[in-house]
Protein backbone atom coordinates (compact mmCIF):
# COMPACT_ATOMS: atom_id res chain seq x y z
CA MET A 1 49.20 1.44 -17.32
CA LYS A 2 48.05 -2.23 -17.64
CA ARG A 3 50.00 -2.95 -14.40
CA TYR A 4 48.08 -0.11 -12.62
CA LEU A 5 44.69 -1.36 -13.97
CA PHE A 6 45.45 -4.85 -12.87
CA ILE A 7 46.36 -3.66 -9.24
CA LEU A 8 43.27 -1.44 -9.30
CA MET A 9 41.09 -4.36 -10.20
CA ILE A 10 42.54 -6.50 -7.39
CA PHE A 11 42.07 -3.75 -4.90
CA GLN A 12 38.39 -3.21 -6.05
CA SER A 13 37.77 -6.98 -5.72
CA PHE A 14 39.29 -7.02 -2.16
CA ILE A 15 37.09 -4.17 -1.11
CA SER A 16 33.99 -5.80 -2.56
CA LYS A 17 34.67 -9.03 -0.84
CA SER A 18 35.60 -7.28 2.47
CA GLN A 19 32.38 -5.41 2.78
CA THR A 20 29.90 -6.94 5.16
CA VAL A 21 26.27 -7.44 4.28
CA ASN A 22 23.51 -6.11 6.41
CA ASP A 23 20.03 -6.71 4.97
CA GLY A 24 16.53 -7.36 5.94
CA PRO A 25 14.28 -8.26 7.57
CA TYR A 26 12.52 -10.75 5.34
CA VAL A 27 9.36 -12.68 6.49
CA PHE A 28 8.87 -16.13 5.08
CA TYR A 29 6.01 -18.57 5.60
CA ASP A 30 7.04 -22.27 5.86
CA LYS A 31 4.20 -24.62 6.49
CA GLU A 32 3.05 -23.85 10.05
CA LYS A 33 5.84 -21.38 10.69
CA VAL A 34 6.61 -17.73 10.27
CA LEU A 35 10.34 -17.05 9.80
CA ILE A 36 11.82 -13.66 10.22
CA LYS A 37 15.31 -13.57 8.65
CA SER A 38 17.99 -10.84 8.49
CA VAL A 39 21.69 -10.68 7.56
CA VAL A 40 23.73 -8.77 10.10
CA LYS A 41 27.37 -8.53 9.41
CA ASP A 42 27.22 -11.48 7.14
CA GLU A 43 25.58 -13.53 9.77
CA VAL A 44 22.02 -14.88 9.16
CA LEU A 45 19.72 -14.33 12.15
CA VAL A 46 16.24 -16.19 12.19
CA SER A 47 13.30 -15.77 14.56
CA GLU A 48 10.64 -18.47 14.39
CA PHE A 49 6.95 -18.10 15.28
CA PRO A 50 3.87 -20.29 14.97
CA ALA A 51 1.82 -19.18 11.87
CA ASN A 52 -1.41 -19.01 13.96
CA LYS A 53 0.36 -16.25 15.97
CA LYS A 54 0.75 -13.89 13.05
CA SER A 55 -1.51 -11.22 14.39
CA THR A 56 0.87 -10.87 17.38
CA ILE A 57 4.16 -10.72 15.48
CA SER A 58 6.11 -7.36 15.30
CA VAL A 59 8.85 -7.02 12.71
CA LYS A 60 11.77 -4.98 13.97
CA VAL A 61 13.60 -2.96 11.25
CA THR A 62 17.02 -1.93 12.69
CA PHE A 63 19.82 0.32 11.42
CA ALA A 64 22.04 -0.31 14.44
CA ARG A 65 25.37 -0.28 12.49
CA THR A 66 24.78 3.15 11.09
CA SER A 67 21.62 5.02 12.28
CA PRO A 68 19.91 3.46 15.33
CA ASP A 69 17.53 6.43 15.66
CA TRP A 70 15.93 5.24 12.31
CA ASP A 71 14.77 1.99 13.81
CA PHE A 72 11.12 1.01 13.86
CA SER A 73 8.72 -1.95 14.47
CA VAL A 74 5.81 -2.92 12.31
CA ALA A 75 2.98 -5.35 13.12
CA LEU A 76 2.09 -7.95 10.44
CA LYS A 77 -1.26 -7.42 8.87
CA PRO A 78 -3.86 -9.91 9.87
CA ALA A 79 -4.95 -10.09 6.16
CA LEU A 80 -3.92 -8.85 2.72
CA ASN A 81 -6.48 -7.78 0.26
CA ASN A 82 -6.17 -6.20 -3.25
CA GLU A 83 -6.34 -2.48 -3.33
CA PRO A 84 -9.31 -0.55 -4.59
CA SER A 85 -8.92 1.34 -7.91
CA ASN A 86 -10.91 4.46 -7.15
CA PHE A 87 -10.93 6.91 -4.34
CA VAL A 88 -12.80 10.14 -3.51
CA GLN A 89 -10.85 13.44 -3.48
CA PRO A 90 -9.00 13.78 -0.08
CA GLU A 91 -8.39 17.08 1.63
CA LYS A 92 -4.54 16.93 0.87
CA LEU A 93 -2.20 14.80 -0.94
CA PHE A 94 1.53 14.20 -0.94
CA PHE A 95 3.01 12.50 -4.01
CA ILE A 96 6.41 10.77 -4.33
CA SER A 97 7.85 8.50 -7.08
CA ASP A 98 10.94 6.54 -7.75
CA VAL A 99 12.38 6.08 -4.20
CA GLU A 100 14.40 3.03 -5.36
CA GLY A 101 15.56 1.93 -2.06
CA GLU A 102 16.93 5.40 -0.93
CA PHE A 103 15.53 5.18 2.67
CA GLU A 104 17.22 8.20 4.04
CA GLY A 105 15.96 10.55 1.48
CA PHE A 106 12.45 9.11 1.63
CA ARG A 107 12.52 9.27 5.46
CA MET A 108 13.58 12.99 5.36
CA LEU A 109 10.93 13.95 2.78
CA LEU A 110 8.16 12.50 4.94
CA ILE A 111 9.53 14.13 8.14
CA LYS A 112 10.26 17.51 6.74
CA ASN A 113 6.89 17.77 5.14
CA ARG A 114 5.05 16.56 8.13
CA VAL A 115 3.68 13.41 6.81
CA VAL A 116 5.27 11.55 9.81
CA ASP A 117 7.31 12.67 12.79
CA GLU A 118 10.86 11.42 13.57
CA LYS A 119 9.40 8.33 15.18
CA TYR A 120 7.36 7.60 12.01
CA ASN A 121 4.08 8.44 13.69
CA TRP A 122 1.56 9.43 11.10
CA THR A 123 0.97 13.24 11.26
CA PHE A 124 -0.69 13.77 7.90
CA GLY A 125 -4.21 13.43 9.36
CA LYS A 126 -6.91 12.54 6.66
CA GLY A 127 -4.33 13.19 3.94
CA HIS A 128 -3.32 10.69 1.33
CA LEU A 129 0.31 9.69 0.59
CA VAL A 130 0.69 8.53 -3.05
CA LEU A 131 3.79 6.56 -4.06
CA CYS A 132 3.94 6.32 -7.85
CA GLY A 133 6.22 3.29 -8.20
CA ASP A 134 9.67 2.12 -8.27
CA PHE A 135 10.73 1.02 -4.76
CA PHE A 136 13.37 -1.46 -5.83
CA ASP A 137 16.85 -1.27 -7.50
CA ARG A 138 19.74 1.02 -7.23
CA GLY A 139 19.38 1.85 -3.63
CA SER A 140 20.72 -0.35 -0.77
CA LEU A 141 17.72 -0.24 1.68
CA VAL A 142 14.85 -1.72 -0.35
CA PRO A 143 13.28 -3.98 2.29
CA GLU A 144 13.61 -1.27 4.99
CA THR A 145 11.74 1.16 2.61
CA LEU A 146 9.01 -1.41 1.83
CA TRP A 147 8.49 -2.09 5.57
CA LEU A 148 8.15 1.56 6.30
CA ILE A 149 5.44 1.92 3.63
CA TYR A 150 3.77 -1.25 5.01
CA LYS A 151 3.69 0.25 8.50
CA LEU A 152 2.43 3.68 7.23
CA GLU A 153 -0.53 2.06 5.35
CA GLN A 154 -1.74 0.78 8.83
CA ASP A 155 -1.06 3.98 10.63
CA ALA A 156 -2.71 6.25 8.01
CA LYS A 157 -5.91 4.25 8.12
CA LYS A 158 -6.07 4.47 11.84
CA ASN A 159 -6.05 8.34 11.35
CA GLY A 160 -8.35 8.60 8.68
CA GLY A 161 -5.69 8.91 5.93
CA TYR A 162 -4.36 6.49 3.28
CA VAL A 163 -1.18 5.36 1.67
CA HIS A 164 -1.32 4.34 -2.15
CA THR A 165 1.44 2.04 -3.24
CA ILE A 166 1.34 1.91 -7.03
CA LEU A 167 3.78 -0.52 -8.75
CA GLY A 168 6.51 0.67 -11.17
CA ASN A 169 8.56 -1.25 -13.75
CA HIS A 170 11.45 -1.88 -11.29
CA ASP A 171 8.97 -3.46 -8.88
CA ILE A 172 7.55 -5.72 -11.43
CA MET A 173 11.06 -6.59 -12.73
CA ASN A 174 12.01 -7.74 -9.34
CA LEU A 175 8.94 -9.72 -8.78
CA SER A 176 9.43 -11.49 -12.14
CA GLY A 177 13.18 -12.14 -11.70
CA ASP A 178 14.88 -9.38 -13.63
CA PHE A 179 17.61 -8.05 -11.26
CA ARG A 180 19.81 -6.14 -13.79
CA TYR A 181 19.61 -2.92 -11.72
CA ALA A 182 19.66 -4.50 -8.28
CA VAL A 183 22.69 -3.89 -6.05
CA PRO A 184 24.97 -7.06 -5.46
CA LYS A 185 23.95 -7.37 -1.71
CA TYR A 186 20.61 -8.65 -2.50
CA ALA A 187 22.18 -11.74 -4.33
CA SER A 188 24.35 -12.12 -1.30
CA THR A 189 21.38 -12.19 0.92
CA ALA A 190 19.73 -14.81 -1.02
CA LYS A 191 22.82 -17.00 -1.13
CA ALA A 192 23.21 -16.55 2.75
CA PHE A 193 19.54 -17.80 3.02
CA GLY A 194 20.10 -20.65 0.68
CA VAL A 195 17.51 -19.54 -1.89
CA ASP A 196 17.27 -17.99 -5.31
CA GLN A 197 17.06 -14.23 -5.22
CA LEU A 198 13.46 -14.50 -6.74
CA ALA A 199 12.42 -16.16 -3.44
CA LEU A 200 13.04 -12.91 -1.46
CA TYR A 201 9.74 -11.56 -2.74
CA ASP A 202 7.78 -14.60 -3.91
CA THR A 203 4.34 -15.65 -2.62
CA SER A 204 5.86 -17.45 0.37
CA THR A 205 6.97 -14.12 1.85
CA GLU A 206 4.97 -11.32 3.41
CA LEU A 207 6.32 -8.48 1.37
CA GLY A 208 5.80 -10.54 -1.77
CA ARG A 209 2.19 -11.20 -0.89
CA TRP A 210 1.72 -7.64 -0.10
CA LEU A 211 3.15 -6.34 -3.33
CA ARG A 212 0.92 -8.46 -5.40
CA THR A 213 -2.07 -6.68 -3.90
CA LYS A 214 -1.02 -3.43 -5.37
CA ASN A 215 -2.27 -1.72 -8.51
CA THR A 216 -0.65 -0.35 -11.58
CA ILE A 217 -3.19 2.66 -11.90
CA GLU A 218 -5.55 4.39 -9.52
CA LYS A 219 -8.01 7.19 -9.60
CA ILE A 220 -7.68 9.53 -6.58
CA GLY A 221 -10.23 12.20 -6.84
CA ASP A 222 -9.21 14.43 -9.72
CA ASN A 223 -5.96 12.62 -10.25
CA LEU A 224 -5.20 9.51 -12.43
CA CYS A 225 -2.02 8.12 -10.92
CA ALA A 226 0.33 5.51 -12.52
CA HIS A 227 4.17 4.96 -12.60
CA ALA A 228 4.72 5.84 -16.22
CA GLY A 229 1.52 7.13 -17.94
CA VAL A 230 -1.35 6.06 -20.07
CA ALA A 231 -0.81 5.37 -23.73
CA SER A 232 -3.46 6.05 -26.20
CA GLU A 233 -3.69 2.28 -26.91
CA ILE A 234 -4.84 1.74 -23.37
CA THR A 235 -7.26 4.66 -23.31
CA GLN A 236 -8.95 3.47 -26.52
CA LEU A 237 -9.85 0.04 -24.77
CA LYS A 238 -12.23 2.03 -22.48
CA LEU A 239 -11.76 -0.40 -19.73
CA PRO A 240 -12.59 0.41 -16.07
CA LEU A 241 -9.59 0.82 -13.85
CA GLU A 242 -10.60 -2.26 -11.75
CA THR A 243 -10.44 -4.37 -14.91
CA ILE A 244 -7.04 -3.03 -15.95
CA ASN A 245 -5.66 -3.84 -12.49
CA GLU A 246 -7.36 -7.28 -12.50
CA ARG A 247 -5.76 -8.07 -15.95
CA CYS A 248 -2.27 -6.90 -14.83
CA ARG A 249 -1.97 -8.49 -11.41
CA PRO A 250 -1.71 -12.21 -12.48
CA TYR A 251 1.37 -11.43 -14.50
CA TYR A 252 3.35 -9.52 -11.85
CA ASP A 253 5.24 -12.81 -11.09
CA ASN A 254 6.34 -13.15 -14.65
CA SER A 255 5.71 -10.41 -16.94
CA LYS A 256 7.39 -12.22 -19.81
CA MET A 257 4.50 -14.68 -19.83
CA MET A 258 2.57 -11.96 -21.70
CA ASN A 259 4.65 -12.64 -24.90
CA GLY A 260 2.74 -15.93 -25.27
CA VAL A 261 -0.70 -14.36 -24.76
CA ASN A 262 -2.66 -13.78 -27.78
CA ASP A 263 -5.18 -11.41 -26.24
CA PRO A 264 -4.05 -7.96 -27.53
CA LYS A 265 -6.01 -6.32 -24.76
CA SER A 266 -3.83 -7.92 -22.24
CA ASN A 267 -0.57 -7.70 -24.13
CA VAL A 268 -0.89 -3.86 -24.24
CA PHE A 269 -0.57 -3.70 -20.48
CA PHE A 270 3.09 -5.29 -20.55
CA GLU A 271 4.58 -3.99 -23.87
CA ALA A 272 7.32 -1.48 -23.13
CA GLN A 273 5.89 1.23 -25.25
CA THR A 274 2.27 1.12 -23.89
CA SER A 275 2.35 -0.38 -20.45
CA LEU A 276 1.39 1.75 -17.47
CA PHE A 277 4.73 1.16 -15.78
CA TRP A 278 7.06 1.60 -18.84
CA PHE A 279 5.45 4.17 -21.17
CA ARG A 280 7.60 7.30 -21.72
CA GLY A 281 5.29 9.11 -24.30
CA TYR A 282 4.58 12.24 -22.15
CA PHE A 283 8.39 13.08 -22.17
CA GLY A 284 9.42 11.29 -25.38
CA ASN A 285 10.91 12.65 -28.60
CA PRO A 286 8.38 13.37 -30.03
CA PRO A 287 6.03 13.61 -27.06
CA SER A 288 2.46 12.46 -26.99
CA ALA A 289 -0.14 14.75 -28.48
CA ILE A 290 -2.10 16.89 -26.08
CA SER A 291 -5.28 15.49 -27.72
CA ASP A 292 -4.28 11.96 -26.50
CA VAL A 293 -3.85 13.39 -22.91
CA ASP A 294 -7.28 15.06 -23.26
CA LYS A 295 -8.80 11.78 -24.32
CA THR A 296 -7.43 10.00 -21.21
CA LEU A 297 -8.65 12.70 -18.91
CA SER A 298 -12.11 12.54 -20.47
CA ALA A 299 -12.18 8.72 -20.38
CA TYR A 300 -11.57 8.66 -16.59
CA ASN A 301 -13.19 11.98 -15.73
CA VAL A 302 -10.04 13.49 -14.06
CA LYS A 303 -8.29 16.84 -14.28
CA ARG A 304 -4.63 15.50 -14.38
CA ILE A 305 -2.44 12.43 -14.82
CA VAL A 306 0.37 11.97 -12.13
CA VAL A 307 3.39 9.99 -13.20
CA GLY A 308 7.01 9.35 -12.26
CA HIS A 309 9.36 6.93 -14.14
CA THR A 310 10.96 9.63 -16.56
CA ILE A 311 13.29 12.15 -15.13
CA THR A 312 12.30 15.52 -16.53
CA SER A 313 14.27 18.62 -17.46
CA LYS A 314 12.37 20.97 -14.96
CA ASP A 315 12.59 19.02 -11.83
CA ILE A 316 9.09 18.25 -10.65
CA ASN A 317 6.48 20.24 -12.62
CA PHE A 318 3.34 20.46 -14.61
CA TYR A 319 3.24 19.63 -18.31
CA TYR A 320 0.70 19.74 -21.04
CA GLU A 321 -0.97 22.95 -19.84
CA GLY A 322 -1.18 21.47 -16.19
CA LYS A 323 -2.71 18.36 -17.28
CA VAL A 324 0.30 16.03 -16.55
CA LEU A 325 2.26 16.23 -13.34
CA GLY A 326 5.84 14.72 -13.76
CA LEU A 327 7.14 13.59 -10.42
CA ASP A 328 10.49 11.82 -11.12
CA VAL A 329 13.79 13.28 -10.01
CA ASP A 330 17.00 11.53 -9.41
CA GLN A 331 16.39 10.22 -5.91
CA HIS A 332 19.33 7.87 -6.24
CA GLY A 333 21.54 11.00 -7.19
CA GLY A 334 20.49 12.83 -3.95
CA GLN A 335 17.46 14.94 -5.38
CA HIS A 336 14.67 14.18 -3.07
CA GLN A 337 11.60 15.99 -3.99
CA GLY A 338 7.73 15.40 -3.83
CA VAL A 339 4.46 17.40 -4.39
CA LEU A 340 2.04 18.57 -1.78
CA ASN A 341 -1.42 19.43 -2.89
CA GLU A 342 -3.70 21.27 -0.44
CA GLY A 343 -7.01 22.35 -2.03
CA ASP A 344 -6.21 24.16 -5.31
CA LYS A 345 -2.72 24.76 -4.30
CA TRP A 346 0.26 22.60 -5.59
CA TYR A 347 3.72 22.85 -4.06
CA ARG A 348 7.13 21.29 -5.08
CA VAL A 349 8.82 20.40 -1.67
CA ASN A 350 12.03 18.71 -0.91
CA ASP A 351 13.88 16.86 1.96
CA LYS A 352 14.92 20.05 3.74
CA GLY A 353 11.24 21.26 4.07
CA GLU A 354 11.63 23.84 1.33
CA LYS A 355 8.34 24.72 -0.51
CA LEU A 356 7.75 26.18 -4.00
CA GLN A 357 4.28 26.87 -5.35
CA LEU A 358 3.77 25.32 -8.81
CA ASN A 359 0.47 26.98 -9.84
């Protein structure tokens, strides 16, 4: 048995070393240059442009080795601004959470539910796509997923729609250097580029800068949207959402810094039991009291709270008498689901286009 295990370990090591790395693209800013870097079959490819030509640069995201029909291009935004925290009720909404680098499932959810067509053209009109966090870790196509969201944000606005990119715990972990759930290829990419893994999304990169403009919580009409939920300790602070997001954003780079901050009103946003991106109270044992949920709804004048983060026992569904919508399913395990809201109708949908009314 020991001999068998030893041979198996050698074989697994050989397979791991023999797998080629394909990753990217990543956009870096270096003084007066814009560098677009990718790894293709273990080879680093670099394109260089003058920084003053940023508005003319198009980033090509390719899947040539596996699925060339997935390819797309995306224009770099001329400017990056922090997102608003409050939005009026749109005519329709599509909610997804916890994509975690599973590009194929994410792509099919959007196509089969007519948010985009097969060429990634926005087909959701004035509807809003709401992404409730966790784009990093476990999956193998994280930058590709982020670039698609980046592209759709621009396309949606041109058509009167909107894309909400709300950060989750895995996103903030990667921005602050916690890679415990990341697949090994990202460390290999960083090594190939000659940088630390943290540099892939730091403030010298386009995706890093873009992610730092995102919120941890937003009000979209009747819906309060966060990755994990709103603990009673946060509701009790009675802070405007703008203030909450302003207090959280400076610590995306290193959430561990909060341990040395003496202001309890700031600490509560990064403690595992209370933060907007770690809280598990709605689905905990015991779960939060419905009175706590009611206080949050009243404080922010909404009808429901929409969250991901915790995989629930009923697939996607409503909880707390319809006051909490739990979005998280095992996307990494192949369960690709979202929620479509049209007027007063709510539907659970999947990557095959199947639709089940929830209310």
